[in-house]
Amino acid sequence: MGIVIVVIVLAYFLINKPKPETSEEVAKCIGEKSTLYVQLGCSHCKDQEDMFGENLKYIKEIDCFYEKDKCIEKEIAVTPTWIIDGKKIEGVHSIEKLKE
């Protein structure tokens, strides 16, 4: 019985452990030079957004579900897509990669 309780407690902490959040300074730096194109219902977009936590507010986002014309204009074929300093980068990327 004791082992079952230990396993349950460990599973709870592993599942609910806080995700690392990008610092405000880093989010502002990335946000100044980029736009993140996402789409309503996109799980990968949510994964990318979650990396910023509360500091997502510093990232300029365009939701292709609501602003389809902006995404067509930039030829966004998949989400998430970043445009950083004019360069298109598709997919979910680590904060380290985005900082480069």
C-alpha atoms as a PDB file:
ATOM      1  CA  MET A   1       0.000   0.000   0.000  1.00  0.00           C
ATOM      2  CA  GLY A   2       2.825   2.407   0.880  1.00  0.00           C
ATOM      3  CA  ILE A   3       4.484   1.889  -2.503  1.00  0.00           C
ATOM      4  CA  VAL A   4       1.230   2.777  -4.301  1.00  0.00           C
ATOM      5  CA  ILE A   5       1.001   6.064  -2.389  1.00  0.00           C
ATOM      6  CA  VAL A   6       4.625   6.917  -3.195  1.00  0.00           C
ATOM      7  CA  VAL A   7       4.038   6.190  -6.901  1.00  0.00           C
ATOM      8  CA  ILE A   8       0.901   8.361  -6.922  1.00  0.00           C
ATOM      9  CA  VAL A   9       2.685  11.251  -5.193  1.00  0.00           C
ATOM     10  CA  LEU A  10       5.655  11.025  -7.572  1.00  0.00           C
ATOM     11  CA  ALA A  11       3.366  10.872 -10.612  1.00  0.00           C
ATOM     12  CA  TYR A  12       1.482  13.948  -9.374  1.00  0.00           C
ATOM     13  CA  PHE A  13       4.678  15.989  -9.054  1.00  0.00           C
ATOM     14  CA  LEU A  14       6.049  14.812 -12.393  1.00  0.00           C
ATOM     15  CA  ILE A  15       2.836  15.670 -14.222  1.00  0.00           C
ATOM     16  CA  ASN A  16       2.269  18.981 -12.441  1.00  0.00           C
ATOM     17  CA  LYS A  17       5.821  20.234 -12.202  1.00  0.00           C
ATOM     18  CA  PRO A  18       6.047  23.870 -13.234  1.00  0.00           C
ATOM     19  CA  LYS A  19       7.269  24.446 -16.751  1.00  0.00           C
ATOM     20  CA  PRO A  20      10.294  26.692 -17.094  1.00  0.00           C
ATOM     21  CA  GLU A  21       9.279  30.164 -18.131  1.00  0.00           C
ATOM     22  CA  THR A  22      11.227  32.547 -20.304  1.00  0.00           C
ATOM     23  CA  SER A  23      12.432  35.660 -18.503  1.00  0.00           C
ATOM     24  CA  GLU A  24      10.850  39.030 -19.263  1.00  0.00           C
ATOM     25  CA  GLU A  25      14.161  40.332 -20.618  1.00  0.00           C
ATOM     26  CA  VAL A  26      14.557  37.440 -23.084  1.00  0.00           C
ATOM     27  CA  ALA A  27      10.884  37.593 -24.147  1.00  0.00           C
ATOM     28  CA  LYS A  28      11.190  41.334 -24.836  1.00  0.00           C
ATOM     29  CA  CYS A  29      14.366  40.795 -26.847  1.00  0.00           C
ATOM     30  CA  ILE A  30      12.789  38.055 -28.981  1.00  0.00           C
ATOM     31  CA  GLY A  31       9.552  40.042 -29.275  1.00  0.00           C
ATOM     32  CA  GLU A  32      11.309  43.167 -30.588  1.00  0.00           C
ATOM     33  CA  LYS A  33      12.655  41.334 -33.610  1.00  0.00           C
ATOM     34  CA  SER A  34       9.981  38.766 -34.404  1.00  0.00           C
ATOM     35  CA  THR A  35       6.389  37.838 -35.103  1.00  0.00           C
ATOM     36  CA  LEU A  36       4.894  34.491 -34.150  1.00  0.00           C
ATOM     37  CA  TYR A  37       2.202  33.126 -36.463  1.00  0.00           C
ATOM     38  CA  VAL A  38      -0.147  30.707 -34.712  1.00  0.00           C
ATOM     39  CA  GLN A  39      -3.576  29.250 -35.320  1.00  0.00           C
ATOM     40  CA  LEU A  40      -6.536  28.565 -33.074  1.00  0.00           C
ATOM     41  CA  GLY A  41      -6.518  24.899 -32.037  1.00  0.00           C
ATOM     42  CA  CYS A  42      -2.866  24.299 -32.928  1.00  0.00           C
ATOM     43  CA  SER A  43      -1.307  22.186 -30.153  1.00  0.00           C
ATOM     44  CA  HIS A  44       2.241  22.920 -31.305  1.00  0.00           C
ATOM     45  CA  CYS A  45       1.466  26.640 -31.189  1.00  0.00           C
ATOM     46  CA  LYS A  46       0.315  26.192 -27.590  1.00  0.00           C
ATOM     47  CA  ASP A  47       3.574  24.387 -26.777  1.00  0.00           C
ATOM     48  CA  GLN A  48       5.556  27.312 -28.205  1.00  0.00           C
ATOM     49  CA  GLU A  49       3.432  29.886 -26.337  1.00  0.00           C
ATOM     50  CA  ASP A  50       3.787  27.965 -23.061  1.00  0.00           C
ATOM     51  CA  MET A  51       7.557  28.409 -23.213  1.00  0.00           C
ATOM     52  CA  PHE A  52       7.016  32.127 -22.598  1.00  0.00           C
ATOM     53  CA  GLY A  53       4.491  31.776 -19.773  1.00  0.00           C
ATOM     54  CA  GLU A  54       3.330  35.175 -18.487  1.00  0.00           C
ATOM     55  CA  ASN A  55       5.871  36.877 -20.748  1.00  0.00           C
ATOM     56  CA  LEU A  56       4.052  35.829 -23.916  1.00  0.00           C
ATOM     57  CA  LYS A  57       2.565  39.333 -23.823  1.00  0.00           C
ATOM     58  CA  TYR A  58       5.883  40.634 -25.190  1.00  0.00           C
ATOM     59  CA  ILE A  59       5.653  38.473 -28.306  1.00  0.00           C
ATOM     60  CA  LYS A  60       3.789  39.851 -31.311  1.00  0.00           C
ATOM     61  CA  GLU A  61       1.396  37.129 -32.425  1.00  0.00           C
ATOM     62  CA  ILE A  62      -0.817  36.806 -35.443  1.00  0.00           C
ATOM     63  CA  ASP A  63      -3.517  34.128 -35.324  1.00  0.00           C
ATOM     64  CA  CYS A  64      -4.018  32.791 -38.834  1.00  0.00           C
ATOM     65  CA  PHE A  65      -7.541  31.649 -37.955  1.00  0.00           C
ATOM     66  CA  TYR A  66      -8.641  35.234 -37.330  1.00  0.00           C
ATOM     67  CA  GLU A  67      -6.165  37.121 -39.530  1.00  0.00           C
ATOM     68  CA  LYS A  68      -5.935  34.813 -42.523  1.00  0.00           C
ATOM     69  CA  ASP A  69      -5.055  37.637 -44.933  1.00  0.00           C
ATOM     70  CA  LYS A  70      -1.887  38.503 -42.989  1.00  0.00           C
ATOM     71  CA  CYS A  71      -0.792  34.876 -43.079  1.00  0.00           C
ATOM     72  CA  ILE A  72      -1.480  34.545 -46.804  1.00  0.00           C
ATOM     73  CA  GLU A  73       0.473  37.749 -47.433  1.00  0.00           C
ATOM     74  CA  LYS A  74       3.527  36.308 -45.613  1.00  0.00           C
ATOM     75  CA  GLU A  75       3.020  32.860 -47.215  1.00  0.00           C
ATOM     76  CA  ILE A  76       2.599  31.110 -43.856  1.00  0.00           C
ATOM     77  CA  ALA A  77       1.979  27.441 -44.692  1.00  0.00           C
ATOM     78  CA  VAL A  78       2.307  25.899 -41.214  1.00  0.00           C
ATOM     79  CA  THR A  79       1.914  27.041 -37.648  1.00  0.00           C
ATOM     80  CA  PRO A  80       3.731  27.899 -35.545  1.00  0.00           C
ATOM     81  CA  THR A  81       5.963  29.959 -37.789  1.00  0.00           C
ATOM     82  CA  TRP A  82       8.317  32.671 -36.616  1.00  0.00           C
ATOM     83  CA  ILE A  83       9.511  35.551 -38.739  1.00  0.00           C
ATOM     84  CA  ILE A  84      12.653  36.866 -37.090  1.00  0.00           C
ATOM     85  CA  ASP A  85      14.542  39.708 -38.735  1.00  0.00           C
ATOM     86  CA  GLY A  86      12.740  38.865 -41.983  1.00  0.00           C
ATOM     87  CA  LYS A  87      13.727  35.164 -41.880  1.00  0.00           C
ATOM     88  CA  LYS A  88      10.939  32.553 -41.750  1.00  0.00           C
ATOM     89  CA  ILE A  89      11.421  29.726 -39.234  1.00  0.00           C
ATOM     90  CA  GLU A  90       8.733  27.023 -39.139  1.00  0.00           C
ATOM     91  CA  GLY A  91       7.872  24.806 -36.175  1.00  0.00           C
ATOM     92  CA  VAL A  92       8.379  24.852 -32.416  1.00  0.00           C
ATOM     93  CA  HIS A  93      11.829  26.043 -31.357  1.00  0.00           C
ATOM     94  CA  SER A  94      13.662  26.264 -28.081  1.00  0.00           C
ATOM     95  CA  ILE A  95      14.204  29.647 -26.503  1.00  0.00           C
ATOM     96  CA  GLU A  96      17.933  29.184 -27.073  1.00  0.00           C
ATOM     97  CA  LYS A  97      17.357  28.755 -30.817  1.00  0.00           C
ATOM     98  CA  LEU A  98      15.086  31.810 -30.922  1.00  0.00           C
ATOM     99  CA  LYS A  99      17.677  33.899 -29.085  1.00  0.00           C
ATOM    100  CA  GLU A 100      20.227  33.162 -31.830  1.00  0.00           C
END
